[in-house]
Amino acid sequence: MANSSERGRRWPVAVAAVALTVCGAGWAVSAQGEADRSGVAVQTATPATRDEMIRNWTKLLAAQGKELPDTSDLSIEEIRAGWERDRLKYLKYAEPAEMPVVYACTGVKSVFDPDCW
């Protein structure tokens, strides 16, 4: 009688151990597959077409009170370089206008944060 109850207790433990082993192996294989890829995700803000770059460059310079140079003789690479140079120059420390304002001590945080007391 005692023997059958021991088997009954071991069965859920064995199932849990097998499930944990299978899930762990799957996770390890998945992580290894992701590690094989290059670890850098690249997302460029550079528009694809010449017209988009010129439009964005014009808006950027207009916001600074400057005029766009003549782009008729410039290649796409020169336009891209000029736009990126000015974008870094004028927007490096600028904060976007659509940034939400978050007040430090509102809501539940004011109860739990010692800085708000």
C-alpha atoms as a PDB file:
ATOM      1  CA  MET A   1       0.000   0.000   0.000  1.00  0.00           C
ATOM      2  CA  ALA A   2       2.777   2.447   0.893  1.00  0.00           C
ATOM      3  CA  ASN A   3       4.568   1.631  -2.322  1.00  0.00           C
ATOM      4  CA  SER A   4       1.698   2.708  -4.562  1.00  0.00           C
ATOM      5  CA  SER A   5       1.281   6.011  -2.715  1.00  0.00           C
ATOM      6  CA  GLU A   6       4.973   6.808  -3.217  1.00  0.00           C
ATOM      7  CA  ARG A   7       4.548   6.286  -6.962  1.00  0.00           C
ATOM      8  CA  GLY A   8       1.516   8.544  -6.891  1.00  0.00           C
ATOM      9  CA  ARG A   9       3.552  11.342  -5.336  1.00  0.00           C
ATOM     10  CA  ARG A  10       6.502  10.921  -7.681  1.00  0.00           C
ATOM     11  CA  TRP A  11       4.432  11.124 -10.868  1.00  0.00           C
ATOM     12  CA  PRO A  12       3.628  14.889 -10.693  1.00  0.00           C
ATOM     13  CA  VAL A  13       7.231  15.662  -9.750  1.00  0.00           C
ATOM     14  CA  ALA A  14       8.508  13.665 -12.744  1.00  0.00           C
ATOM     15  CA  VAL A  15       6.083  15.403 -15.109  1.00  0.00           C
ATOM     16  CA  ALA A  16       7.090  18.825 -13.791  1.00  0.00           C
ATOM     17  CA  ALA A  17      10.793  17.977 -14.159  1.00  0.00           C
ATOM     18  CA  VAL A  18      10.323  16.783 -17.748  1.00  0.00           C
ATOM     19  CA  ALA A  19       8.257  19.858 -18.656  1.00  0.00           C
ATOM     20  CA  LEU A  20      10.851  22.155 -17.107  1.00  0.00           C
ATOM     21  CA  THR A  21      13.641  20.389 -18.996  1.00  0.00           C
ATOM     22  CA  VAL A  22      11.816  20.600 -22.327  1.00  0.00           C
ATOM     23  CA  CYS A  23      10.909  24.281 -21.853  1.00  0.00           C
ATOM     24  CA  GLY A  24      14.447  25.114 -20.731  1.00  0.00           C
ATOM     25  CA  ALA A  25      15.936  23.378 -23.749  1.00  0.00           C
ATOM     26  CA  GLY A  26      13.555  25.230 -26.054  1.00  0.00           C
ATOM     27  CA  TRP A  27      14.449  28.539 -24.444  1.00  0.00           C
ATOM     28  CA  ALA A  28      18.189  27.801 -24.757  1.00  0.00           C
ATOM     29  CA  VAL A  29      17.858  26.904 -28.439  1.00  0.00           C
ATOM     30  CA  SER A  30      15.813  30.051 -29.062  1.00  0.00           C
ATOM     31  CA  ALA A  31      18.342  32.243 -27.258  1.00  0.00           C
ATOM     32  CA  GLN A  32      21.194  30.661 -29.193  1.00  0.00           C
ATOM     33  CA  GLY A  33      19.429  31.388 -32.485  1.00  0.00           C
ATOM     34  CA  GLU A  34      19.056  35.043 -31.526  1.00  0.00           C
ATOM     35  CA  ALA A  35      22.703  35.235 -30.451  1.00  0.00           C
ATOM     36  CA  ASP A  36      23.848  34.077 -33.890  1.00  0.00           C
ATOM     37  CA  ARG A  37      22.323  37.161 -35.525  1.00  0.00           C
ATOM     38  CA  SER A  38      24.092  40.473 -35.404  1.00  0.00           C
ATOM     39  CA  GLY A  39      23.160  42.056 -32.102  1.00  0.00           C
ATOM     40  CA  VAL A  40      22.569  45.546 -33.426  1.00  0.00           C
ATOM     41  CA  ALA A  41      19.167  46.655 -34.597  1.00  0.00           C
ATOM     42  CA  VAL A  42      19.499  49.452 -37.096  1.00  0.00           C
ATOM     43  CA  GLN A  43      16.699  51.854 -37.744  1.00  0.00           C
ATOM     44  CA  THR A  44      17.504  54.847 -39.852  1.00  0.00           C
ATOM     45  CA  ALA A  45      15.743  58.160 -39.760  1.00  0.00           C
ATOM     46  CA  THR A  46      17.035  59.040 -43.201  1.00  0.00           C
ATOM     47  CA  PRO A  47      14.242  59.259 -45.781  1.00  0.00           C
ATOM     48  CA  ALA A  48      14.524  57.021 -48.797  1.00  0.00           C
ATOM     49  CA  THR A  49      13.981  59.550 -51.569  1.00  0.00           C
ATOM     50  CA  ARG A  50      15.714  62.744 -52.610  1.00  0.00           C
ATOM     51  CA  ASP A  51      12.495  64.759 -52.410  1.00  0.00           C
ATOM     52  CA  GLU A  52      11.780  63.627 -48.838  1.00  0.00           C
ATOM     53  CA  MET A  53      15.300  64.553 -47.756  1.00  0.00           C
ATOM     54  CA  ILE A  54      15.021  67.992 -49.352  1.00  0.00           C
ATOM     55  CA  ARG A  55      11.588  68.535 -47.766  1.00  0.00           C
ATOM     56  CA  ASN A  56      12.828  67.567 -44.311  1.00  0.00           C
ATOM     57  CA  TRP A  57      16.008  69.610 -44.705  1.00  0.00           C
ATOM     58  CA  THR A  58      13.917  72.633 -45.725  1.00  0.00           C
ATOM     59  CA  LYS A  59      11.643  72.257 -42.680  1.00  0.00           C
ATOM     60  CA  LEU A  60      14.642  71.891 -40.381  1.00  0.00           C
ATOM     61  CA  LEU A  61      16.356  75.000 -41.715  1.00  0.00           C
ATOM     62  CA  ALA A  62      13.116  77.009 -41.785  1.00  0.00           C
ATOM     63  CA  ALA A  63      12.609  76.306 -38.089  1.00  0.00           C
ATOM     64  CA  GLN A  64      16.058  77.814 -37.498  1.00  0.00           C
ATOM     65  CA  GLY A  65      15.384  80.838 -39.727  1.00  0.00           C
ATOM     66  CA  LYS A  66      17.810  79.674 -42.406  1.00  0.00           C
ATOM     67  CA  GLU A  67      17.387  78.983 -46.111  1.00  0.00           C
ATOM     68  CA  LEU A  68      18.104  75.786 -47.979  1.00  0.00           C
ATOM     69  CA  PRO A  69      21.101  75.969 -50.326  1.00  0.00           C
ATOM     70  CA  ASP A  70      20.604  75.240 -54.012  1.00  0.00           C
ATOM     71  CA  THR A  71      20.170  71.476 -54.250  1.00  0.00           C
ATOM     72  CA  SER A  72      19.847  71.174 -58.013  1.00  0.00           C
ATOM     73  CA  ASP A  73      23.548  70.328 -58.480  1.00  0.00           C
ATOM     74  CA  LEU A  74      23.886  68.184 -55.359  1.00  0.00           C
ATOM     75  CA  SER A  75      23.929  64.407 -55.455  1.00  0.00           C
ATOM     76  CA  ILE A  76      21.769  62.313 -53.145  1.00  0.00           C
ATOM     77  CA  GLU A  77      24.789  61.568 -50.951  1.00  0.00           C
ATOM     78  CA  GLU A  78      25.599  65.287 -50.633  1.00  0.00           C
ATOM     79  CA  ILE A  79      21.975  66.094 -49.759  1.00  0.00           C
ATOM     80  CA  ARG A  80      21.921  63.309 -47.175  1.00  0.00           C
ATOM     81  CA  ALA A  81      25.220  64.481 -45.668  1.00  0.00           C
ATOM     82  CA  GLY A  82      24.053  68.108 -45.471  1.00  0.00           C
ATOM     83  CA  TRP A  83      20.685  67.208 -43.996  1.00  0.00           C
ATOM     84  CA  GLU A  84      22.222  64.906 -41.389  1.00  0.00           C
ATOM     85  CA  ARG A  85      24.902  67.470 -40.512  1.00  0.00           C
ATOM     86  CA  ASP A  86      22.295  70.191 -39.953  1.00  0.00           C
ATOM     87  CA  ARG A  87      19.980  67.811 -38.123  1.00  0.00           C
ATOM     88  CA  LEU A  88      22.739  66.980 -35.653  1.00  0.00           C
ATOM     89  CA  LYS A  89      23.731  70.623 -35.428  1.00  0.00           C
ATOM     90  CA  TYR A  90      20.271  72.029 -34.688  1.00  0.00           C
ATOM     91  CA  LEU A  91      18.432  69.151 -33.032  1.00  0.00           C
ATOM     92  CA  LYS A  92      21.189  67.641 -30.898  1.00  0.00           C
ATOM     93  CA  TYR A  93      19.972  69.182 -27.675  1.00  0.00           C
ATOM     94  CA  ALA A  94      16.437  70.088 -28.693  1.00  0.00           C
ATOM     95  CA  GLU A  95      13.540  68.490 -26.914  1.00  0.00           C
ATOM     96  CA  PRO A  96      10.627  67.506 -29.130  1.00  0.00           C
ATOM     97  CA  ALA A  97       7.540  69.664 -28.673  1.00  0.00           C
ATOM     98  CA  GLU A  98       5.306  66.613 -28.303  1.00  0.00           C
ATOM     99  CA  MET A  99       7.111  65.331 -25.207  1.00  0.00           C
ATOM    100  CA  PRO A 100       4.541  64.738 -22.477  1.00  0.00           C
ATOM    101  CA  VAL A 101       4.891  66.627 -19.236  1.00  0.00           C
ATOM    102  CA  VAL A 102       4.953  64.286 -16.246  1.00  0.00           C
ATOM    103  CA  TYR A 103       4.628  65.805 -12.825  1.00  0.00           C
ATOM    104  CA  ALA A 104       6.803  64.119 -10.237  1.00  0.00           C
ATOM    105  CA  CYS A 105       4.435  63.846  -7.301  1.00  0.00           C
ATOM    106  CA  THR A 106       0.978  62.979  -8.559  1.00  0.00           C
ATOM    107  CA  GLY A 107      -1.249  60.013  -7.992  1.00  0.00           C
ATOM    108  CA  VAL A 108      -0.128  56.986  -6.033  1.00  0.00           C
ATOM    109  CA  LYS A 109       3.545  57.929  -6.354  1.00  0.00           C
ATOM    110  CA  SER A 110       3.050  60.794  -3.899  1.00  0.00           C
ATOM    111  CA  VAL A 111       2.104  58.262  -1.211  1.00  0.00           C
ATOM    112  CA  PHE A 112       5.069  55.914  -1.665  1.00  0.00           C
ATOM    113  CA  ASP A 113       7.914  58.176  -2.822  1.00  0.00           C
ATOM    114  CA  PRO A 114       9.811  59.846   0.063  1.00  0.00           C
ATOM    115  CA  ASP A 115      10.824  62.736  -2.229  1.00  0.00           C
ATOM    116  CA  CYS A 116       7.161  63.776  -2.431  1.00  0.00           C
ATOM    117  CA  TRP A 117       6.579  63.884   1.342  1.00  0.00           C
END
